[in-house]
Amino acid sequence: MWIRSPGKINLFLQVLRKRPDNYHEIYTLFQKITLFDEIEIKGGQRLFSLEFECEESIPLEENLIYKAWKAFKEEFCVKEEIKLWVKKRIPLGAGLGGGSSNAGNLLKALSKLYGIEDNRLESLALKLGADVPFFLSDLPCALAGGVGEILSPFPNYGAYYILVYPGFKVDTAWAYKSLNLTKPKNPVYYEASLPPWRACQGLINDFKGLLYRKFYPIYEEIEKLLLKEGARAVNISGTGSTIYGVFESPPFEGYTRLKNSLRNGKIYLVKNLECEGGNKCLLTI
């Protein structure tokens, strides 16, 4: 079985309060995009194996796709092992959800291989990570509350995005700790009646100022370039490190100019993942 595992961006991200269990409640908009990892799954194996085609090594015990298989195997008493091959295109530590997507989409594939109903996977997904439930869902775009697991549909407004991964990672735990939240706050809400980048408050990300200050002047320079190419808005995805521009028409020429001028990191031109029943158009069996 082959599957494609899409990345995501956060079109906005607000951190509302720190909970007693040290997790944070958020108000965010997840958007799946057309940047994919590829995963091959072979069941009926005597020994487990996991092979990555990736630019950097990923310790097995730290990898979410390994944790997803281990949790699934224990939860549903699977006796056999599987063989996994993963081609990574989504950069690590970039705020694009690559690891969570691998875990969520593997769970969906395993549910088909072993005849498990998808709704039995939801608690398992949340234990693996706060945004894994989004990748387990068929929603291409979703409002998320709680720690990211309370999902509701949001219109999948068409757009193109130029993503710029600046060549370094941002540690999620560091980012949340550095916000220094001392009291809860109410979210600035977005209406579903218009694209969020057209809202009067713009695209909010509570980590944007933190990252712009720590990595000055990298993000300011990239934002200026994206706006110069006609971006309707510029924002950070998740806790970083990826910065992106939103375009309502294909920015092919702007993408080429930016790619030629980028000194470090990687640049991608993507759009919304558009399909009915998300998982059905990702799986190739």
Protein backbone atom coordinates (compact mmCIF):
# COMPACT_ATOMS: atom_id res chain seq x y z
CA MET A 1 0.00 0.00 0.00
CA TRP A 2 1.24 3.46 -0.94
CA ILE A 3 -0.09 6.64 0.63
CA ARG A 4 0.67 10.33 0.30
CA SER A 5 0.95 12.25 3.54
CA PRO A 6 0.20 15.99 3.15
CA GLY A 7 1.64 18.85 5.11
CA LYS A 8 -0.35 21.70 6.64
CA ILE A 9 -0.08 25.35 7.45
CA ASN A 10 -1.76 27.28 10.24
CA LEU A 11 -3.58 30.20 8.66
CA PHE A 12 -3.85 31.68 12.13
CA LEU A 13 -2.76 30.50 15.57
CA GLN A 14 -3.69 32.02 18.91
CA VAL A 15 -2.56 30.61 22.26
CA LEU A 16 -5.31 31.16 24.82
CA ARG A 17 -4.09 29.69 28.08
CA LYS A 18 -1.77 27.20 29.71
CA ARG A 19 -3.53 24.25 31.31
CA PRO A 20 -2.60 22.56 34.60
CA ASP A 21 -1.19 19.62 32.59
CA ASN A 22 1.21 22.08 30.87
CA TYR A 23 -0.52 21.78 27.51
CA HIS A 24 -1.87 24.94 25.89
CA GLU A 25 -5.35 25.65 24.60
CA ILE A 26 -5.33 27.21 21.16
CA TYR A 27 -7.58 28.68 18.50
CA THR A 28 -6.21 27.87 15.07
CA LEU A 29 -7.09 27.14 11.46
CA PHE A 30 -5.42 24.07 9.96
CA GLN A 31 -5.10 23.94 6.16
CA LYS A 32 -3.82 20.85 4.33
CA ILE A 33 -1.54 21.66 1.40
CA THR A 34 -0.10 19.94 -1.66
CA LEU A 35 3.31 19.19 -0.17
CA PHE A 36 3.55 15.46 0.45
CA ASP A 37 5.66 12.79 2.07
CA GLU A 38 5.25 9.33 0.54
CA ILE A 39 4.81 6.16 2.59
CA GLU A 40 4.90 2.52 1.51
CA ILE A 41 3.36 -0.02 3.90
CA LYS A 42 3.81 -3.78 3.67
CA GLY A 43 1.92 -5.97 6.14
CA GLY A 44 2.45 -9.59 7.08
CA GLN A 45 6.08 -9.15 8.12
CA ARG A 46 7.95 -11.21 10.71
CA LEU A 47 10.17 -8.28 11.77
CA PHE A 48 9.45 -4.55 11.90
CA SER A 49 11.51 -2.26 9.66
CA LEU A 50 11.42 1.45 8.95
CA GLU A 51 13.49 3.11 6.25
CA PHE A 52 13.63 6.83 5.54
CA GLU A 53 14.70 8.59 2.40
CA CYS A 54 15.57 11.84 4.09
CA GLU A 55 18.30 14.48 4.27
CA GLU A 56 18.89 13.90 7.97
CA SER A 57 18.72 10.95 10.34
CA ILE A 58 15.59 10.45 12.45
CA PRO A 59 16.02 8.43 15.69
CA LEU A 60 13.49 5.59 15.71
CA GLU A 61 12.23 6.17 19.26
CA GLU A 62 11.51 9.84 18.54
CA ASN A 63 9.61 9.26 15.30
CA LEU A 64 5.86 9.62 15.31
CA ILE A 65 5.25 7.09 12.55
CA TYR A 66 7.02 4.43 14.63
CA LYS A 67 5.04 5.47 17.71
CA ALA A 68 1.81 5.31 15.68
CA TRP A 69 2.49 1.71 14.60
CA LYS A 70 3.52 0.67 18.11
CA ALA A 71 0.37 2.22 19.64
CA PHE A 72 -1.90 0.69 16.96
CA LYS A 73 -0.31 -2.74 17.35
CA GLU A 74 -0.78 -2.69 21.12
CA GLU A 75 -4.31 -1.23 21.04
CA PHE A 76 -5.69 -3.75 18.54
CA CYS A 77 -3.50 -6.75 19.45
CA VAL A 78 -1.89 -7.08 16.03
CA LYS A 79 0.49 -10.04 16.05
CA GLU A 80 2.39 -9.46 12.81
CA GLU A 81 4.83 -6.70 11.94
CA ILE A 82 4.99 -4.25 9.04
CA LYS A 83 7.63 -2.78 6.78
CA LEU A 84 7.61 1.00 6.26
CA TRP A 85 9.45 3.11 3.72
CA VAL A 86 9.07 6.90 4.00
CA LYS A 87 10.25 9.49 1.50
CA LYS A 88 10.41 12.82 3.34
CA ARG A 89 9.74 15.98 1.37
CA ILE A 90 8.23 18.01 4.21
CA PRO A 91 11.14 19.57 6.15
CA LEU A 92 11.55 18.62 9.81
CA GLY A 93 10.91 21.13 12.58
CA ALA A 94 9.33 23.54 10.12
CA GLY A 95 5.78 23.93 11.49
CA LEU A 96 4.32 22.02 8.53
CA GLY A 97 3.12 18.96 10.44
CA GLY A 98 5.16 16.34 8.60
CA GLY A 99 5.56 13.93 11.51
CA SER A 100 1.96 14.32 12.65
CA SER A 101 0.74 13.78 9.10
CA ASN A 102 2.80 10.60 8.78
CA ALA A 103 1.30 9.29 12.03
CA GLY A 104 -2.30 10.24 11.23
CA ASN A 105 -2.22 8.92 7.68
CA LEU A 106 -0.51 5.71 8.76
CA LEU A 107 -3.33 5.13 11.27
CA LYS A 108 -5.90 5.61 8.50
CA ALA A 109 -4.07 3.16 6.25
CA LEU A 110 -3.71 0.61 9.04
CA SER A 111 -7.44 0.84 9.77
CA LYS A 112 -8.07 -0.33 6.21
CA LEU A 113 -5.43 -3.05 6.33
CA TYR A 114 -6.75 -4.51 9.57
CA GLY A 115 -10.47 -3.68 9.33
CA ILE A 116 -10.60 -1.17 12.18
CA GLU A 117 -13.24 1.58 12.14
CA ASP A 118 -11.76 5.09 11.91
CA ASN A 119 -13.65 6.36 14.96
CA ARG A 120 -11.74 3.90 17.12
CA LEU A 121 -8.52 5.73 16.27
CA GLU A 122 -9.36 9.19 17.60
CA SER A 123 -8.10 8.79 21.18
CA LEU A 124 -5.01 7.02 19.84
CA ALA A 125 -4.28 9.93 17.52
CA LEU A 126 -4.53 12.51 20.31
CA LYS A 127 -2.09 10.56 22.49
CA LEU A 128 0.46 10.79 19.66
CA GLY A 129 0.22 14.57 19.22
CA ALA A 130 -2.13 17.53 19.33
CA ASP A 131 -2.43 17.94 15.55
CA VAL A 132 -2.49 14.22 14.66
CA PRO A 133 -6.34 14.18 14.92
CA PHE A 134 -6.50 16.75 12.10
CA PHE A 135 -4.52 14.45 9.82
CA LEU A 136 -6.67 11.51 10.88
CA SER A 137 -9.74 13.48 9.78
CA ASP A 138 -10.95 13.88 6.20
CA LEU A 139 -11.21 17.66 6.59
CA PRO A 140 -8.96 19.64 4.21
CA CYS A 141 -9.45 22.76 6.35
CA ALA A 142 -10.59 22.90 9.98
CA LEU A 143 -10.94 25.24 12.92
CA ALA A 144 -9.30 23.68 15.94
CA GLY A 145 -9.79 24.32 19.63
CA GLY A 146 -8.71 22.61 22.83
CA VAL A 147 -5.08 21.59 22.32
CA GLY A 148 -5.85 21.18 18.62
CA GLU A 149 -8.09 18.11 18.77
CA ILE A 150 -11.54 19.77 18.74
CA LEU A 151 -12.17 20.15 15.02
CA SER A 152 -14.93 21.82 13.05
CA PRO A 153 -15.16 22.29 9.26
CA PHE A 154 -14.14 25.59 7.70
CA PRO A 155 -14.54 26.60 4.04
CA ASN A 156 -11.59 25.50 1.94
CA TYR A 157 -10.95 28.85 0.25
CA GLY A 158 -8.74 28.42 -2.79
CA ALA A 159 -5.28 29.92 -2.55
CA TYR A 160 -1.65 29.39 -3.46
CA TYR A 161 1.16 29.63 -0.95
CA ILE A 162 4.86 30.26 -1.32
CA LEU A 163 6.48 28.53 1.64
CA VAL A 164 9.96 29.51 2.72
CA TYR A 165 11.77 27.17 5.08
CA PRO A 166 14.71 29.31 6.26
CA GLY A 167 17.06 26.41 6.87
CA PHE A 168 16.70 26.06 10.63
CA LYS A 169 14.25 24.42 13.04
CA VAL A 170 12.24 25.95 15.85
CA ASP A 171 11.70 23.84 18.96
CA THR A 172 7.99 23.79 19.79
CA ALA A 173 8.50 23.47 23.56
CA TRP A 174 10.88 26.46 23.54
CA ALA A 175 8.41 28.54 21.56
CA TYR A 176 5.50 27.92 23.92
CA LYS A 177 7.65 28.49 27.00
CA SER A 178 8.96 31.75 25.55
CA LEU A 179 5.46 33.18 25.21
CA ASN A 180 5.45 33.54 29.03
CA LEU A 181 1.68 33.34 29.32
CA THR A 182 0.55 34.67 32.69
CA LYS A 183 -3.22 34.82 32.23
CA PRO A 184 -5.84 33.43 29.84
CA LYS A 185 -7.16 35.47 26.94
CA ASN A 186 -10.11 35.37 24.58
CA PRO A 187 -9.56 34.58 20.91
CA VAL A 188 -9.96 37.03 18.06
CA TYR A 189 -12.55 35.14 16.05
CA TYR A 190 -12.65 34.63 12.29
CA GLU A 191 -15.87 34.35 10.31
CA ALA A 192 -16.35 31.54 7.81
CA SER A 193 -17.98 33.93 5.36
CA LEU A 194 -14.68 35.20 3.95
CA PRO A 195 -11.09 33.97 3.58
CA PRO A 196 -9.16 34.61 6.80
CA TRP A 197 -6.49 36.65 5.01
CA ARG A 198 -9.21 39.14 4.05
CA ALA A 199 -10.37 39.59 7.65
CA CYS A 200 -9.74 43.03 9.15
CA GLN A 201 -7.44 41.56 11.84
CA GLY A 202 -5.22 39.87 9.25
CA LEU A 203 -3.57 36.51 9.89
CA ILE A 204 -2.65 36.30 13.56
CA ASN A 205 0.10 34.05 14.86
CA ASP A 206 1.09 34.59 18.46
CA PHE A 207 4.60 33.26 17.75
CA LYS A 208 5.32 35.66 14.90
CA GLY A 209 6.74 38.50 16.99
CA LEU A 210 8.82 36.08 19.06
CA LEU A 211 10.44 34.55 15.97
CA TYR A 212 10.93 37.88 14.20
CA ARG A 213 12.83 39.19 17.25
CA LYS A 214 14.95 36.07 17.82
CA PHE A 215 15.95 35.63 14.19
CA TYR A 216 16.12 39.30 13.14
CA PRO A 217 16.37 40.29 10.31
CA ILE A 218 15.71 36.99 8.49
CA TYR A 219 11.92 36.97 8.68
CA GLU A 220 11.51 40.68 7.95
CA GLU A 221 13.55 40.31 4.77
CA ILE A 222 11.56 37.29 3.56
CA GLU A 223 8.25 39.02 4.34
CA LYS A 224 9.26 42.06 2.31
CA LEU A 225 10.12 39.82 -0.66
CA LEU A 226 6.80 37.95 -0.44
CA LEU A 227 4.81 41.19 -0.26
CA LYS A 228 6.77 42.59 -3.18
CA GLU A 229 5.66 39.58 -5.24
CA GLY A 230 2.02 40.32 -4.45
CA ALA A 231 1.22 38.23 -1.37
CA ARG A 232 -2.16 39.12 0.16
CA ALA A 233 -0.78 38.22 3.60
CA VAL A 234 2.34 36.75 5.20
CA ASN A 235 2.42 34.54 8.27
CA ILE A 236 4.32 31.88 10.21
CA SER A 237 3.07 28.28 10.19
CA GLY A 238 2.68 26.74 13.63
CA THR A 239 5.55 27.69 15.91
CA GLY A 240 7.81 28.02 12.85
CA SER A 241 10.15 27.94 11.27
CA THR A 242 8.33 28.19 7.92
CA ILE A 243 7.09 31.58 6.75
CA TYR A 244 4.61 31.77 3.87
CA GLY A 245 2.81 34.19 1.61
CA VAL A 246 -0.83 33.82 0.53
CA PHE A 247 -1.67 34.39 -3.14
CA GLU A 248 -5.11 34.30 -4.77
CA SER A 249 -3.69 33.55 -8.23
CA PRO A 250 -0.69 31.36 -9.19
CA PRO A 251 2.55 33.27 -8.40
CA PHE A 252 4.70 31.30 -10.83
CA GLU A 253 7.03 34.16 -11.79
CA GLY A 254 7.34 35.38 -8.22
CA TYR A 255 8.17 31.88 -7.04
CA THR A 256 10.92 31.60 -9.64
CA ARG A 257 12.42 34.96 -8.64
CA LEU A 258 12.35 34.07 -4.96
CA LYS A 259 13.84 30.64 -5.61
CA ASN A 260 16.72 32.20 -7.52
CA SER A 261 17.38 34.74 -4.76
CA LEU A 262 17.08 32.42 -1.75
CA ARG A 263 20.48 31.97 -0.12
CA ASN A 264 19.56 29.41 2.54
CA GLY A 265 16.76 26.96 3.18
CA LYS A 266 14.07 25.74 0.79
CA ILE A 267 11.14 27.23 -1.06
CA TYR A 268 7.92 25.54 -2.18
CA LEU A 269 4.93 26.60 -4.27
CA VAL A 270 1.80 24.78 -3.07
CA LYS A 271 -1.96 25.21 -2.92
CA ASN A 272 -4.87 23.97 -0.83
CA LEU A 273 -5.47 20.25 -0.81
CA GLU A 274 -8.77 20.04 -2.65
CA CYS A 275 -10.62 16.76 -2.51
CA GLU A 276 -13.83 15.35 -1.14
CA GLY A 277 -13.34 13.01 1.79
CA GLY A 278 -9.63 13.83 2.10
CA ASN A 279 -8.31 10.33 2.78
CA LYS A 280 -9.97 8.81 -0.28
CA CYS A 281 -7.92 10.90 -2.66
CA LEU A 282 -4.66 10.41 -0.77
CA LEU A 283 -4.64 6.64 -0.60
CA THR A 284 -3.36 4.56 -3.48
CA ILE A 285 -3.82 0.86 -2.79
